[in-house]
Amino acid sequence: MALKEEFEEHAERAKTLPDSTSNENKLILYGLYKQATVGDVNTSRPGMFNMKDRAKWDAWKAVEGKSKEEAMGDYITKVKQLLEA
């Protein structure tokens, strides 16, 4: 299976993660997804009163510089890991 197809399949499977999945893991997935689909951060950091968007932006910024392929691979690995847990 091609990487992009596998990535898209795991993006759908990520929607079925249990509610008990930690916010930290959800943010990791968010950052990897954005890096894989958009590339490096292309927006300014949200203000300090917008905690949710700021955390998401920080998670995306943390994986800045990864290639789209590397981010896709890491995303797939993380989804598999969380589904097995």
Protein backbone atom coordinates (compact mmCIF):
# COMPACT_ATOMS: atom_id res chain seq x y z
CA MET A 1 0.00 0.00 0.00
CA ALA A 2 1.30 3.42 -0.89
CA LEU A 3 2.28 5.66 2.03
CA LYS A 4 -0.37 8.29 1.25
CA GLU A 5 -3.14 5.67 1.10
CA GLU A 6 -1.99 4.09 4.36
CA PHE A 7 -1.80 7.55 5.96
CA GLU A 8 -5.37 8.36 4.90
CA GLU A 9 -6.59 5.00 6.21
CA HIS A 10 -4.95 5.62 9.59
CA ALA A 11 -6.34 9.16 9.70
CA GLU A 12 -9.81 7.57 9.49
CA ARG A 13 -8.88 4.96 12.11
CA ALA A 14 -7.64 7.74 14.43
CA LYS A 15 -11.23 8.96 14.64
CA THR A 16 -12.07 5.71 16.48
CA LEU A 17 -9.49 6.17 19.24
CA PRO A 18 -10.97 5.71 22.71
CA ASP A 19 -12.11 8.75 24.69
CA SER A 20 -9.42 7.88 27.21
CA THR A 21 -6.70 8.89 24.72
CA SER A 22 -4.66 11.60 26.44
CA ASN A 23 -4.65 15.17 25.17
CA GLU A 24 -0.87 14.88 24.85
CA ASN A 25 -1.24 11.99 22.38
CA LYS A 26 -4.01 13.80 20.52
CA LEU A 27 -1.75 16.84 20.16
CA ILE A 28 1.10 14.66 18.86
CA LEU A 29 -1.24 13.24 16.22
CA TYR A 30 -2.51 16.72 15.35
CA GLY A 31 1.01 18.06 14.85
CA LEU A 32 2.05 15.11 12.69
CA TYR A 33 -1.16 15.32 10.64
CA LYS A 34 -0.68 19.03 9.95
CA GLN A 35 2.99 18.51 9.08
CA ALA A 36 2.07 15.67 6.71
CA THR A 37 -0.75 17.53 4.99
CA VAL A 38 0.33 21.19 5.10
CA GLY A 39 4.05 21.22 5.82
CA ASP A 40 5.82 23.60 8.19
CA VAL A 41 3.78 26.00 10.34
CA ASN A 42 2.49 28.83 8.18
CA THR A 43 0.54 30.88 10.74
CA SER A 44 1.48 33.01 13.71
CA ARG A 45 1.13 31.61 17.23
CA PRO A 46 -2.32 32.20 18.75
CA GLY A 47 -2.60 34.56 21.72
CA MET A 48 -2.19 33.35 25.28
CA PHE A 49 -5.92 33.42 25.99
CA ASN A 50 -6.59 30.93 23.19
CA MET A 51 -5.13 27.93 25.04
CA LYS A 52 -6.55 25.17 22.83
CA ASP A 53 -5.35 26.62 19.52
CA ARG A 54 -2.04 27.61 21.09
CA ALA A 55 -1.44 24.00 22.24
CA LYS A 56 -2.29 22.72 18.75
CA TRP A 57 0.03 25.27 17.15
CA ASP A 58 2.84 24.28 19.56
CA ALA A 59 2.34 20.58 18.71
CA TRP A 60 2.62 21.40 15.00
CA LYS A 61 5.66 23.62 15.57
CA ALA A 62 7.35 20.76 17.49
CA VAL A 63 7.55 18.64 14.33
CA GLU A 64 8.54 21.48 12.00
CA GLY A 65 11.21 20.47 9.53
CA LYS A 66 10.06 16.85 9.12
CA SER A 67 9.38 15.85 5.55
CA LYS A 68 5.77 15.08 4.67
CA GLU A 69 6.70 11.42 4.18
CA GLU A 70 8.43 11.21 7.56
CA ALA A 71 5.46 12.88 9.27
CA MET A 72 3.07 10.44 7.56
CA GLY A 73 5.16 7.49 8.73
CA ASP A 74 5.33 8.79 12.30
CA TYR A 75 1.57 9.45 12.29
CA ILE A 76 0.80 5.90 11.12
CA THR A 77 3.11 4.46 13.80
CA LYS A 78 1.52 6.57 16.55
CA VAL A 79 -2.05 5.64 15.53
CA LYS A 80 -1.11 1.93 15.52
CA GLN A 81 0.49 2.31 18.94
CA LEU A 82 -2.57 4.06 20.40
CA LEU A 83 -5.03 1.55 18.93
CA GLU A 84 -3.05 -1.35 20.42
CA ALA A 85 -2.89 0.24 23.89
